[in-house]
C-alpha cells in the first residue's frame, strides 16, 4: 500500500503538508484498528475524521486552484466531487452494513491510499505548474486542515485519554 514519500510532493507546501497528513491519518487508522479492542467504535470515529479531513483538503485545494486561475479547475473539482459525493458515502454505507469489521476498514483504507496516490500523481501535479505563474496565496490564507494528530488520537480512544506523541494510536 502506498505511503507518503517525496515522490508525492507537488512543490506547493500547503498542499504537500495536507497530502502527507492524509497518508499519516490513514496509516494511524490502520494501526488503531489493529490494536484497539473496540474496533467498530474506533473505525467508525476514525473514518468520520478521515472524511472531514478529505473534505477540508479538497476545499483548500480548490481555493488554491481558483486563486491561481488553474484552467483545469472544473474538471479537477468534478473529480473531488465524485469522491466527496459518491465514493466516500458508498464506502461509509458499506462499512456500516458490515459492522466496521477490520477487513472492511482495511479495504476502505487501501482504496483511499491508492486513490490518493493516483490523484496526486495524475492530477495534483498539474496544479503546481500554475502556482509559479501567478502570485502564490498569502501566508495563512489557506485554512488549516481539519484537526491534528492529537485530535485524531482523541477520536480513537474512548474517554479522550491523552496518548504518547511517539505512538499516538495507543
C-alpha atoms as a PDB file:
ATOM      1  CA  UNK A   1       0.000   0.000   0.000  1.00  0.00           C
ATOM      2  CA  UNK A   2       1.394   3.451  -0.851  1.00  0.00           C
ATOM      3  CA  UNK A   3       2.962   5.508   1.938  1.00  0.00           C
ATOM      4  CA  UNK A   4       3.938   9.189   1.849  1.00  0.00           C
ATOM      5  CA  UNK A   5       7.220   9.875   0.150  1.00  0.00           C
ATOM      6  CA  UNK A   6       8.738  12.848  -1.638  1.00  0.00           C
ATOM      7  CA  UNK A   7       7.554  11.444  -4.964  1.00  0.00           C
ATOM      8  CA  UNK A   8       4.094  12.717  -3.946  1.00  0.00           C
ATOM      9  CA  UNK A   9       5.356  16.249  -3.258  1.00  0.00           C
ATOM     10  CA  UNK A  10       3.962  18.617  -5.874  1.00  0.00           C
ATOM     11  CA  UNK A  11       6.050  21.579  -4.721  1.00  0.00           C
ATOM     12  CA  UNK A  12       3.234  23.558  -3.097  1.00  0.00           C
ATOM     13  CA  UNK A  13       3.981  23.469   0.611  1.00  0.00           C
ATOM     14  CA  UNK A  14       0.411  23.747   1.922  1.00  0.00           C
ATOM     15  CA  UNK A  15      -0.848  21.006  -0.411  1.00  0.00           C
ATOM     16  CA  UNK A  16       2.141  18.751   0.255  1.00  0.00           C
ATOM     17  CA  UNK A  17       1.634  19.133   4.007  1.00  0.00           C
ATOM     18  CA  UNK A  18      -2.030  18.167   3.678  1.00  0.00           C
ATOM     19  CA  UNK A  19      -1.245  15.212   1.413  1.00  0.00           C
ATOM     20  CA  UNK A  20       1.359  13.966   3.879  1.00  0.00           C
ATOM     21  CA  UNK A  21      -1.237  14.415   6.614  1.00  0.00           C
ATOM     22  CA  UNK A  22      -3.757  12.314   4.680  1.00  0.00           C
ATOM     23  CA  UNK A  23      -1.278   9.458   4.316  1.00  0.00           C
ATOM     24  CA  UNK A  24      -0.454   9.787   8.028  1.00  0.00           C
ATOM     25  CA  UNK A  25      -4.110   9.747   9.124  1.00  0.00           C
ATOM     26  CA  UNK A  26      -4.811   6.651   7.038  1.00  0.00           C
ATOM     27  CA  UNK A  27      -1.760   4.873   8.493  1.00  0.00           C
ATOM     28  CA  UNK A  28      -2.798   5.783  12.039  1.00  0.00           C
ATOM     29  CA  UNK A  29      -6.305   4.478  11.436  1.00  0.00           C
ATOM     30  CA  UNK A  30      -4.857   1.219  10.107  1.00  0.00           C
ATOM     31  CA  UNK A  31      -2.762   0.844  13.233  1.00  0.00           C
ATOM     32  CA  UNK A  32      -5.563   1.872  15.581  1.00  0.00           C
ATOM     33  CA  UNK A  33      -7.924  -0.699  14.110  1.00  0.00           C
ATOM     34  CA  UNK A  34      -5.245  -3.380  14.522  1.00  0.00           C
ATOM     35  CA  UNK A  35      -4.554  -2.635  18.197  1.00  0.00           C
ATOM     36  CA  UNK A  36      -7.822  -1.230  19.595  1.00  0.00           C
ATOM     37  CA  UNK A  37     -10.216  -3.633  21.264  1.00  0.00           C
ATOM     38  CA  UNK A  38     -13.307  -1.586  20.388  1.00  0.00           C
ATOM     39  CA  UNK A  39     -12.766  -1.936  16.639  1.00  0.00           C
ATOM     40  CA  UNK A  40     -16.218  -0.858  15.459  1.00  0.00           C
ATOM     41  CA  UNK A  41     -16.180   2.350  17.526  1.00  0.00           C
ATOM     42  CA  UNK A  42     -12.576   3.091  16.592  1.00  0.00           C
ATOM     43  CA  UNK A  43     -13.208   2.510  12.907  1.00  0.00           C
ATOM     44  CA  UNK A  44     -16.432   4.496  12.815  1.00  0.00           C
ATOM     45  CA  UNK A  45     -14.935   7.553  14.525  1.00  0.00           C
ATOM     46  CA  UNK A  46     -11.686   7.364  12.576  1.00  0.00           C
ATOM     47  CA  UNK A  47     -13.431   7.079   9.217  1.00  0.00           C
ATOM     48  CA  UNK A  48     -15.633  10.067  10.066  1.00  0.00           C
ATOM     49  CA  UNK A  49     -12.483  12.018  10.924  1.00  0.00           C
ATOM     50  CA  UNK A  50     -10.852  10.947   7.645  1.00  0.00           C
ATOM     51  CA  UNK A  51     -13.919  12.069   5.692  1.00  0.00           C
ATOM     52  CA  UNK A  52     -13.849  15.506   7.329  1.00  0.00           C
ATOM     53  CA  UNK A  53     -10.106  15.796   6.653  1.00  0.00           C
ATOM     54  CA  UNK A  54     -10.576  14.863   2.993  1.00  0.00           C
ATOM     55  CA  UNK A  55     -13.438  17.330   2.502  1.00  0.00           C
ATOM     56  CA  UNK A  56     -11.437  20.165   4.109  1.00  0.00           C
ATOM     57  CA  UNK A  57      -8.406  19.281   1.995  1.00  0.00           C
ATOM     58  CA  UNK A  58     -10.498  19.381  -1.177  1.00  0.00           C
ATOM     59  CA  UNK A  59     -11.850  22.797  -0.179  1.00  0.00           C
ATOM     60  CA  UNK A  60      -8.319  24.087   0.423  1.00  0.00           C
ATOM     61  CA  UNK A  61      -7.024  22.658  -2.839  1.00  0.00           C
ATOM     62  CA  UNK A  62      -9.972  24.081  -4.775  1.00  0.00           C
ATOM     63  CA  UNK A  63      -9.358  27.516  -3.223  1.00  0.00           C
ATOM     64  CA  UNK A  64      -5.727  27.303  -4.352  1.00  0.00           C
ATOM     65  CA  UNK A  65      -6.789  26.348  -7.886  1.00  0.00           C
ATOM     66  CA  UNK A  66      -9.150  29.319  -8.064  1.00  0.00           C
ATOM     67  CA  UNK A  67      -6.518  31.690  -6.658  1.00  0.00           C
ATOM     68  CA  UNK A  68      -4.007  30.794  -9.391  1.00  0.00           C
ATOM     69  CA  UNK A  69      -6.574  30.700 -12.209  1.00  0.00           C
ATOM     70  CA  UNK A  70      -5.996  26.998 -12.881  1.00  0.00           C
ATOM     71  CA  UNK A  71      -7.725  26.209 -16.186  1.00  0.00           C
ATOM     72  CA  UNK A  72      -8.432  22.602 -15.169  1.00  0.00           C
ATOM     73  CA  UNK A  73     -10.382  23.697 -12.102  1.00  0.00           C
ATOM     74  CA  UNK A  74     -13.841  22.467 -13.174  1.00  0.00           C
ATOM     75  CA  UNK A  75     -12.541  19.032 -14.201  1.00  0.00           C
ATOM     76  CA  UNK A  76     -10.449  18.703 -11.043  1.00  0.00           C
ATOM     77  CA  UNK A  77     -13.312  19.838  -8.830  1.00  0.00           C
ATOM     78  CA  UNK A  78     -15.506  17.248 -10.567  1.00  0.00           C
ATOM     79  CA  UNK A  79     -13.054  14.541  -9.512  1.00  0.00           C
ATOM     80  CA  UNK A  80     -13.195  15.838  -5.938  1.00  0.00           C
ATOM     81  CA  UNK A  81     -16.998  15.988  -6.106  1.00  0.00           C
ATOM     82  CA  UNK A  82     -17.112  12.358  -7.217  1.00  0.00           C
ATOM     83  CA  UNK A  83     -15.036  11.286  -4.235  1.00  0.00           C
ATOM     84  CA  UNK A  84     -16.950  13.545  -1.835  1.00  0.00           C
ATOM     85  CA  UNK A  85     -20.481  12.822  -3.055  1.00  0.00           C
ATOM     86  CA  UNK A  86     -20.362   9.268  -4.379  1.00  0.00           C
ATOM     87  CA  UNK A  87     -17.311   7.248  -3.370  1.00  0.00           C
ATOM     88  CA  UNK A  88     -16.974   8.219   0.308  1.00  0.00           C
ATOM     89  CA  UNK A  89     -20.719   7.852   1.079  1.00  0.00           C
ATOM     90  CA  UNK A  90     -20.821   4.420  -0.603  1.00  0.00           C
ATOM     91  CA  UNK A  91     -17.766   3.276   1.311  1.00  0.00           C
ATOM     92  CA  UNK A  92     -19.308   4.613   4.535  1.00  0.00           C
ATOM     93  CA  UNK A  93     -22.539   2.706   3.839  1.00  0.00           C
ATOM     94  CA  UNK A  94     -20.614  -0.487   3.181  1.00  0.00           C
ATOM     95  CA  UNK A  95     -18.624  -0.085   6.391  1.00  0.00           C
ATOM     96  CA  UNK A  96     -21.789   0.448   8.413  1.00  0.00           C
ATOM     97  CA  UNK A  97     -23.521  -2.523   6.764  1.00  0.00           C
ATOM     98  CA  UNK A  98     -20.522  -4.747   7.523  1.00  0.00           C
ATOM     99  CA  UNK A  99     -20.299  -3.527  11.124  1.00  0.00           C
ATOM    100  CA  UNK A 100     -16.929  -1.792  10.673  1.00  0.00           C
ATOM    101  CA  UNK A 101     -15.042  -5.070  10.580  1.00  0.00           C
ATOM    102  CA  UNK A 102     -11.251  -4.784  10.445  1.00  0.00           C
ATOM    103  CA  UNK A 103     -11.266  -6.386   6.999  1.00  0.00           C
ATOM    104  CA  UNK A 104     -13.746  -3.872   5.590  1.00  0.00           C
ATOM    105  CA  UNK A 105     -11.901  -0.950   7.178  1.00  0.00           C
ATOM    106  CA  UNK A 106      -8.587  -2.161   5.754  1.00  0.00           C
ATOM    107  CA  UNK A 107     -10.179  -2.474   2.310  1.00  0.00           C
ATOM    108  CA  UNK A 108     -11.550   1.074   2.531  1.00  0.00           C
ATOM    109  CA  UNK A 109      -8.165   2.426   3.604  1.00  0.00           C
ATOM    110  CA  UNK A 110      -6.419   0.597   0.756  1.00  0.00           C
ATOM    111  CA  UNK A 111      -8.874   2.156  -1.691  1.00  0.00           C
ATOM    112  CA  UNK A 112      -8.296   5.616  -0.174  1.00  0.00           C
ATOM    113  CA  UNK A 113      -4.499   5.361  -0.279  1.00  0.00           C
ATOM    114  CA  UNK A 114      -4.436   4.090  -3.851  1.00  0.00           C
ATOM    115  CA  UNK A 115      -6.892   6.780  -4.946  1.00  0.00           C
ATOM    116  CA  UNK A 116      -4.844   9.456  -3.173  1.00  0.00           C
ATOM    117  CA  UNK A 117      -1.556   8.306  -4.725  1.00  0.00           C
ATOM    118  CA  UNK A 118      -3.051   8.192  -8.236  1.00  0.00           C
ATOM    119  CA  UNK A 119      -4.837  11.510  -7.765  1.00  0.00           C
ATOM    120  CA  UNK A 120      -1.707  13.330  -6.614  1.00  0.00           C
ATOM    121  CA  UNK A 121       0.478  11.963  -9.405  1.00  0.00           C
ATOM    122  CA  UNK A 122      -2.201  12.182 -12.080  1.00  0.00           C
ATOM    123  CA  UNK A 123      -3.978  15.440 -11.269  1.00  0.00           C
ATOM    124  CA  UNK A 124      -2.476  17.493  -8.449  1.00  0.00           C
ATOM    125  CA  UNK A 125       0.909  17.797 -10.132  1.00  0.00           C
ATOM    126  CA  UNK A 126      -0.828  19.841 -12.826  1.00  0.00           C
ATOM    127  CA  UNK A 127      -1.903  22.453 -10.269  1.00  0.00           C
ATOM    128  CA  UNK A 128       1.712  23.009  -9.233  1.00  0.00           C
ATOM    129  CA  UNK A 129       2.573  24.077 -12.776  1.00  0.00           C
ATOM    130  CA  UNK A 130       0.235  27.037 -12.341  1.00  0.00           C
ATOM    131  CA  UNK A 131       1.371  28.237  -8.938  1.00  0.00           C
ATOM    132  CA  UNK A 132       4.609  29.913 -10.135  1.00  0.00           C
ATOM    133  CA  UNK A 133       2.750  31.650 -12.995  1.00  0.00           C
ATOM    134  CA  UNK A 134       0.593  33.628 -10.577  1.00  0.00           C
ATOM    135  CA  UNK A 135       1.229  35.140  -7.184  1.00  0.00           C
ATOM    136  CA  UNK A 136       1.106  32.351  -4.601  1.00  0.00           C
ATOM    137  CA  UNK A 137      -1.532  32.545  -1.871  1.00  0.00           C
ATOM    138  CA  UNK A 138      -0.555  34.791   1.013  1.00  0.00           C
ATOM    139  CA  UNK A 139       0.830  33.124   4.117  1.00  0.00           C
ATOM    140  CA  UNK A 140      -2.056  31.978   6.274  1.00  0.00           C
ATOM    141  CA  UNK A 141      -4.680  32.360   3.538  1.00  0.00           C
ATOM    142  CA  UNK A 142      -5.162  28.624   3.380  1.00  0.00           C
ATOM    143  CA  UNK A 143      -7.114  27.450   6.372  1.00  0.00           C
ATOM    144  CA  UNK A 144      -5.633  24.700   8.426  1.00  0.00           C
ATOM    145  CA  UNK A 145      -6.865  21.224   7.606  1.00  0.00           C
ATOM    146  CA  UNK A 146      -9.295  19.522   9.935  1.00  0.00           C
ATOM    147  CA  UNK A 147      -7.672  18.606  13.192  1.00  0.00           C
ATOM    148  CA  UNK A 148      -4.282  17.451  14.263  1.00  0.00           C
ATOM    149  CA  UNK A 149      -2.841  14.134  15.257  1.00  0.00           C
ATOM    150  CA  UNK A 150      -3.849  14.893  18.850  1.00  0.00           C
ATOM    151  CA  UNK A 151      -7.440  15.346  17.672  1.00  0.00           C
ATOM    152  CA  UNK A 152      -7.310  12.039  15.829  1.00  0.00           C
ATOM    153  CA  UNK A 153      -5.894  10.324  18.891  1.00  0.00           C
ATOM    154  CA  UNK A 154      -8.756  11.750  20.932  1.00  0.00           C
ATOM    155  CA  UNK A 155     -11.274  10.299  18.479  1.00  0.00           C
ATOM    156  CA  UNK A 156      -9.618   6.915  18.513  1.00  0.00           C
ATOM    157  CA  UNK A 157      -9.803   6.454  22.264  1.00  0.00           C
ATOM    158  CA  UNK A 158     -12.957   6.342  24.375  1.00  0.00           C
ATOM    159  CA  UNK A 159     -12.849   8.736  27.297  1.00  0.00           C
ATOM    160  CA  UNK A 160     -10.497  11.083  25.475  1.00  0.00           C
ATOM    161  CA  UNK A 161      -7.370   9.945  27.286  1.00  0.00           C
ATOM    162  CA  UNK A 162      -4.156  11.528  26.077  1.00  0.00           C
ATOM    163  CA  UNK A 163      -1.686   9.358  24.277  1.00  0.00           C
ATOM    164  CA  UNK A 164       2.002   9.283  23.601  1.00  0.00           C
ATOM    165  CA  UNK A 165       3.112  11.508  20.712  1.00  0.00           C
ATOM    166  CA  UNK A 166       5.559   8.814  19.660  1.00  0.00           C
ATOM    167  CA  UNK A 167       2.778   6.195  19.425  1.00  0.00           C
ATOM    168  CA  UNK A 168      -0.486   8.158  19.067  1.00  0.00           C
ATOM    169  CA  UNK A 169      -2.576   5.108  18.218  1.00  0.00           C
ATOM    170  CA  UNK A 170      -2.067   3.624  21.705  1.00  0.00           C
END
